[in-house]
Amino acid sequence: QRLDFVSISSVNTYIMPQVLKHLGDLSRISLCTYHTLEAYTQVENGQAEVALVPSIRYSRYVEATHIFTEPYSLICDRDSALSQPVHPSQLQPDRELLVNWHLGFMQWHHFWFGLTSSPVLYTDDMQVVQQFLGRKGLWAVMPQSAAHYAVRHLPVKRLALAEPPEGRTMYLLKRWGHTLSPEAEQLVAALRRWCDEEGLEY
């Protein structure tokens, strides 16, 4: 059987490629990208067996299980004079590459930088931000999985924050009362192994 899995863009870009390395056979997996609300609809309608999303919504048909929480950190160019831990007050709001990771993150952002801050770029797509990371003076706050990718592939460094946002919590969705298929169980097991590698509590 084919496993139909859906998630948000950042998960499919930075987490799932690492998770899928733990699976020997990729020929029976459908991996699609949706926003959180759409992911709920996919699971409700039976178009996807499982989904991984960063927030929970009310649904009488979908069960959401907390899987892991990944911390946030600061990413800036390698030559930046900043040293950790970096307090938000040290950051220039007009040099930010702002990604809307989830509601809790944006609440943290509004607290420290106000509702009228003017970042260099505002987006909900980390892949757009990648084109600018590493430029002198620019910075972004991102969850661990995206930060690890950035440090491996871009001329940037990762620094701890003195007052970080609450971590990004990820939830596994499935239909209420549904018993996972063997393929879905294998994917969940691979996700658990990835969490162990990343030092995240599953």
Foldseek 3Di string as FASTA:
>chain_A
DAAEEEEADVCVVQPVVQLCVLPDDPPRYHYYHDAPVVRVVCQQVVVHAKYKYQDDDDDPWKDKAWDWFFFKWKKAAPPDPDAPPAELVVADLQQEAEACRDDQQVVVVCVSQNPPGHYPHYYNHVVVVLVPHNPHRHMYMDTDRVQVVCVVPHRIDIHHYPDTTGTRIMIMMGTPPDDDDPVVVSSSVSSCVSCVVVVIDD
